[in-house]
Amino acid sequence: GVDFSNVVGLHNALRVDGTSNAYLYAVTIDRSEDPVLKSTWQPAYDPLAAGGSVFLLRWLRASVVDSTGFPVSGASIWSTLSPSAATAQYPDNGLSSTPSARTLAYLGRAASGANAWNHTDSNGLAVIPLYTDVITTASLPNAESFGNYQLIVTFGATTGPGGVDFDPYPAISAGNNTKSVTVSLAVQVRTGPDLTVAPASPAMTVLQNQPFTVYALISNQGQTTATGVSVAAYLDGSRAVTYGRVDSLTVATSLNQTMTIQGVATVGSHTLELIVDPDNTINEGGAAQENNNFANITLTVQPPPAGFTAILTPTSGQSVVSGNAVSVTGYVRDSGSNGIGGVVLNIELRSGATVLANTSTMSDNNGLFVGTIVVPSTTQDGQYSIVVTPATTLIQPDSTTIAVQKSSSFLFQKVPVLGIEWWLFLVILAAAAAVAIGVSLYWKVYGLGKMVECGECGAFIPEDATTCPKCGVEFERDMAKCSNCQAWIPVDVKQCPECGVEFATGQLEMADYKEKMRLQYDEVIARFKQEASRQLGRSLSETEFQEWWRKQPTFLTFEDWLREEEEMRKMGSKPCPTCGTLNSVTATVCHKCGSLMRDQRPPSGGAVVAGAPARRVQARGPMSPPGPTNAPAPIVQKRVIKKPIEGKEGESSEGQNGDGNSSDDL
C-alpha cells in the first residue's frame, strides 16, 4: 500500500512514467491521513505520462459445496465480466485468461491440470485474482473500474452460477479487496456411511453357561455420520438365537462398543460372529460396502471348576422388617479357595419350597458378589431362607436363615440418613433439649451472678478465675479502673488517689447518711443566707430568707438534694464549673459551693471504680437494679474485672466508662 506521512495532507505516492506499468494485488491506502479539504487531496497512484498505468487486482475466495453442504473438491470456476460476458483477463500476463507465472507461484497452483488455479481444493476452496481497476492519466484522479463478475462453477455434468462485485477505486480497504462467495451445486458428493466391525481379540476362552464380555470396534469409513446403528452377536453362523445385541448407536468415525454375551451351553470350540447393521437398515452404497460388516471370534468353552458359594450377609438369624430391602453378599471359590469370576447367581427368598422373591447377580473377577432382594410387605412374621444358587451344578449353593417381622409403628423404622430407629432418635433429641433447657435455667438463675466475661476471648468464666479456661490468658488480681479519671487503682481503696473521688464500698446506715447529707445541705444554705443578707443590707429571718431563696434560680429543696446525690451514684457526675466539685449530671446547683450548674448533661457513668477490662475488651457482669430515690445508698457490688498480666499479654488498654450496660460499679 501507499504509506502517507505523519503530516496530514502530505503523503507518499506511487508514480509511474510513460514507459512503466504497476500491477498491484490487494493494495490499500491509509485514509486516516487524508487532508481536511477534499479539494487538496492528491492521488495515491499517479501515472506521470500517457502510456504509464497502475493496474489493481483483487482476490475472490470461492467455496463450492454440494446439496448437503459438503465441500466439493475439483470443481472449476470461470469468471466473466458483467455485463460484457468477456472472460476475465490478467494485465500482468498480456491480458490472457490465465494469471502470470509469478501469481501462480504465489498461490502454489498450476496453470492447468488437477491443481489448476481455478479448481477447488480438498476443502472446496479456490482463491482467484480478478482485475478490477486501471489508473491512467486520462482517469486521474480516479480510475477506470469494472469490478463486476459472473461465475460459472462446473463439477462433472453439474454447473452452478455465482457472482461477485468489488467497490471501485479509491475504495481499496482490506474488506474491499477480498470477497468471499459460496456456490451450491445440485449434486451430492459426500459418500454415505460405510460401516465395519472388528473384535478386540480374535479368540477367547469362556466358561460354560457363564455370560462374558466382548469389545466390538465399529468404524465408519464413509463421509456421513451413521445413526441408529446396531451390532449383534450370533453363534456358529446361526441367526436363530441372538447372543448379544446393542442398538441406537451413533458412529461418526469410530466407536469401541462393549457387548455382554449370554453363556454358551455346549463345551468345545465355537465361532462367535459379530455383525454391524445386522438388519441392513443403513444404506452404505452397495454390496461392496455391506460385505465388510462382519467379524468372527473363536470361542473355547470350558466347564467351570468345581467350587462352592458362601453367603457373608445377611447373617444367620438376622431380623428383617417386611417391605425392606436385604443386601446379600458373599463369594464364589474353587476347591483351592481361588475366586471364580463370571458365575451367574440366582438369589431367592424362600418359605420352604415357595419362592417369595428373587434376583440375579454375577461374581466379579475376585469371585465376590452383591445382590439386593426386597422382602414383600405381605410377608408374615417367621423364619425364612435366603438361597444363592450358581447357574452351574459344579458349584455348590449356599443358604442362610433370616427372621422376618411385619412392619410396625414408625417408632421402629429407620431415620433417613442417620440409620437409627425413630424411638432412639426421639430419646436423644429429648435429652439434648432437656440439657439445653437446664443450662439456660442455671445461667438465668445462678450463672449471671457468678460469671464474668473474659476480656481476651469473650467467654463467660467464673468470677474468681485466675486464668481463662478457654483461651488460657492469666489475669491481674485486685486491680480496677476509676470510671471518673480512667486510672488503674487498687480495688480496695475508698478514694481514687488520682482524682480524689470517693467510692461507695458498702451499705450505710440510713440515719447517718441523711445526717451527712443534711449537714452538707445546711452549709450551702448558710452561704446563700449570707449572700441574701448582703444583697438586702440587713439580717433576714428564716421565713424572709425562704421567700427570697424560692425566687432564686439556685433554689433546691433537701429532697432534691438527696435525689441528685443518688443520681450521681447511679447516672454519673459532672464537675462544677466554679469549684470543680463533682455533682450529679442532673444537678442544677453545686453541692459544694452552691453555684448554678449550667453545663450540658454528659453521658451516664458515675464516679465509681469500674471493673478493669481484659485486653481492650470490657468484661460484663450483672447490675443491681436501682432503688427508690428516698432509699438508702445502694449497695454497689465490688468486682475485679479480669485484666491480663502485662508481662504476658501486653499492655492493657483502658476500658469503657461504666454504665448500666457495660460495667459494674465498685
Foldseek 3Di string as FASTA:
>chain_A
DWAQDPAQLGGAAAEDELQEEAEEELDAYDCVSHHPDPVSGDARYYYPDHNYKYWYKFKEKEAEAEPVRAGDFFKFKWKAFPPVRHTFFEVVVVRDNFYDPVVCVVVVADCDDSRHQRTAHPRRIHMDMGTFWMDGPVQPPFTDGRFKIKMWIDDPPWIWIDIDGADGPPPRDNVRRYDYYYTYIHDDDFAFWQKAKEWPAQEDEEEAQFKDKTKIKMFTPTQYKDWFKKKWKDKQPDPPDTQWMDTGDIHRGIDTDMIIGGGHHDAAKIKIKMFMRPVVPGCRPDDVSRVRRIYIHIYGYHHDAFWEWDWDPDAAAAEDEAQAKGKIKTFIAHPVRFGDWRWKKKKFKADVPDTQWIDIWTAHPRGIIIDMIHHHLPDAWDKIKIKIDTPDPSYYIDMHIYTYHHDDPQQQPADPPVRHGNVVVVVVVVVVVVVVVVVVVCCVPPVQAAWKAALPPRDTDGQPDQADPPPGFGFDPQWFAFLVPRDIDGLPDQADPPPGHGADAFFDDLVVVLVVLVVLVVVQLVVQQVVVCVVVVHHDDPVRSVVVLVVDQLDDDSLNSLLFVLQLAAFHWDAAPPPGDTTRLPDQADSHNRDGRDDHRDGGAHRFTWAFRAAAGRMDGAEDDDDDSSDTRDNFDRGHHTYGDCVPPNDGDGYHGDHNGGTGGD
